[in-house]
Protein backbone atom coordinates (compact mmCIF):
# COMPACT_ATOMS: atom_id res chain seq x y z
CA MET A 1 -20.45 15.68 4.65
CA LEU A 2 -16.48 17.01 3.51
CA THR A 3 -15.34 12.93 2.62
CA VAL A 4 -18.78 12.99 1.08
CA ILE A 5 -17.68 15.80 -0.59
CA PHE A 6 -14.19 14.76 -0.87
CA ILE A 7 -15.71 11.12 -2.33
CA ILE A 8 -17.78 12.52 -5.06
CA LEU A 9 -14.72 15.15 -6.30
CA VAL A 10 -12.52 11.80 -6.82
CA ILE A 11 -15.47 10.36 -9.13
CA VAL A 12 -16.03 12.33 -11.16
CA ALA A 13 -11.89 13.65 -11.31
CA VAL A 14 -11.51 10.06 -12.67
CA ALA A 15 -14.77 9.91 -15.00
CA ALA A 16 -13.22 12.87 -16.76
CA PHE A 17 -9.75 11.31 -16.47
CA SER A 18 -11.35 8.14 -18.41
CA VAL A 19 -13.10 10.01 -20.93
CA GLN A 20 -10.56 12.10 -22.18
CA ASN A 21 -8.25 9.01 -22.28
CA ALA A 22 -10.00 6.30 -23.86
CA THR A 23 -7.47 5.37 -26.65
CA ALA A 24 -6.26 2.00 -26.93
CA VAL A 25 -2.64 1.71 -26.02
CA SER A 26 -0.76 -1.44 -26.60
CA VAL A 27 1.60 -2.74 -22.96
CA SER A 28 4.34 -5.05 -23.55
CA PHE A 29 5.56 -6.45 -20.38
CA LEU A 30 8.10 -9.66 -21.34
CA ALA A 31 6.70 -12.33 -22.78
CA TRP A 32 2.80 -10.80 -22.21
CA HIS A 33 1.26 -8.46 -24.44
CA TYR A 34 -2.11 -6.61 -24.28
CA GLU A 35 -4.21 -3.63 -25.62
CA ALA A 36 -6.12 -1.84 -23.41
CA SER A 37 -7.24 2.28 -22.69
CA LEU A 38 -4.78 4.24 -21.50
CA ALA A 39 -7.23 5.25 -18.57
CA LEU A 40 -7.19 1.71 -17.76
CA VAL A 41 -3.63 1.10 -18.00
CA VAL A 42 -3.01 4.32 -15.51
CA VAL A 43 -5.47 2.87 -13.27
CA LEU A 44 -4.26 -0.60 -12.89
CA ALA A 45 -0.99 0.87 -12.54
CA LEU A 46 -1.69 2.66 -9.51
CA LEU A 47 -4.31 0.45 -7.74
CA THR A 48 -0.76 -1.84 -7.82
CA GLY A 49 1.58 -0.01 -6.48
CA VAL A 50 -1.11 1.24 -3.54
CA VAL A 51 -0.91 -2.50 -3.47
CA PHE A 52 2.26 -3.05 -3.26
CA GLY A 53 3.12 0.39 -1.10
CA MET A 54 0.32 -1.16 1.93
CA VAL A 55 2.20 -4.50 1.82
CA LEU A 56 5.75 -3.20 2.36
CA MET A 57 4.31 -0.57 5.07
CA SER A 58 2.66 -3.78 6.77
CA LEU A 59 5.89 -5.52 6.66
CA LEU A 60 8.32 -2.79 8.04
CA ARG A 61 5.04 -2.26 11.00
CA LEU A 62 5.09 -5.76 11.88
CA ARG A 63 8.68 -5.92 11.90
CA ARG A 64 9.29 -2.66 14.24
CA SER A 65 6.57 -4.54 16.26
CA LEU A 66 8.46 -7.41 16.72
CA ARG A 67 11.24 -5.92 17.61
CA LYS A 68 9.75 -3.97 20.07
CA ARG A 69 8.56 -7.15 21.39
CA ARG A 70 11.21 -8.41 22.25
CA GLN A 71 13.54 -5.71 23.39
CA ALA A 72 10.52 -5.90 25.57
CA VAL A 73 10.98 -9.39 26.76
CA VAL A 74 14.90 -8.60 26.68
CA ALA A 75 14.42 -6.07 29.53
CA GLU A 76 11.92 -8.10 31.57
CA ASN A 77 14.17 -10.66 31.63
CA ALA A 78 17.40 -8.82 32.62
CA SER A 79 14.81 -7.48 35.78
CA ASN A 80 14.09 -11.23 36.61
CA GLN A 81 17.48 -11.85 36.73
CA LYS A 82 17.94 -9.28 39.01
CA THR A 83 14.43 -9.78 41.28
CA ARG A 84 16.14 -13.53 41.79
CA GLN A 85 19.98 -12.66 42.82
CA LEU A 86 18.35 -10.64 45.37
């Protein structure tokens, strides 16, 4: 129930933000020029940042997981070599 209330509050806040920031702005990036409402530009910038952050965190987690797996394999190989020597 708390999640539903939170989602409703976020939707209301986004709607209020969109209505108050409907002014058209011009966005230029390198050779690309685009005109859109300020609310749309801000939301797209936010979503782009969230996606890049999620990709970066996924890559870091994958790297950490691979490192732990590699350490486990090295430890297992060392243990197997000790067992063979006996």
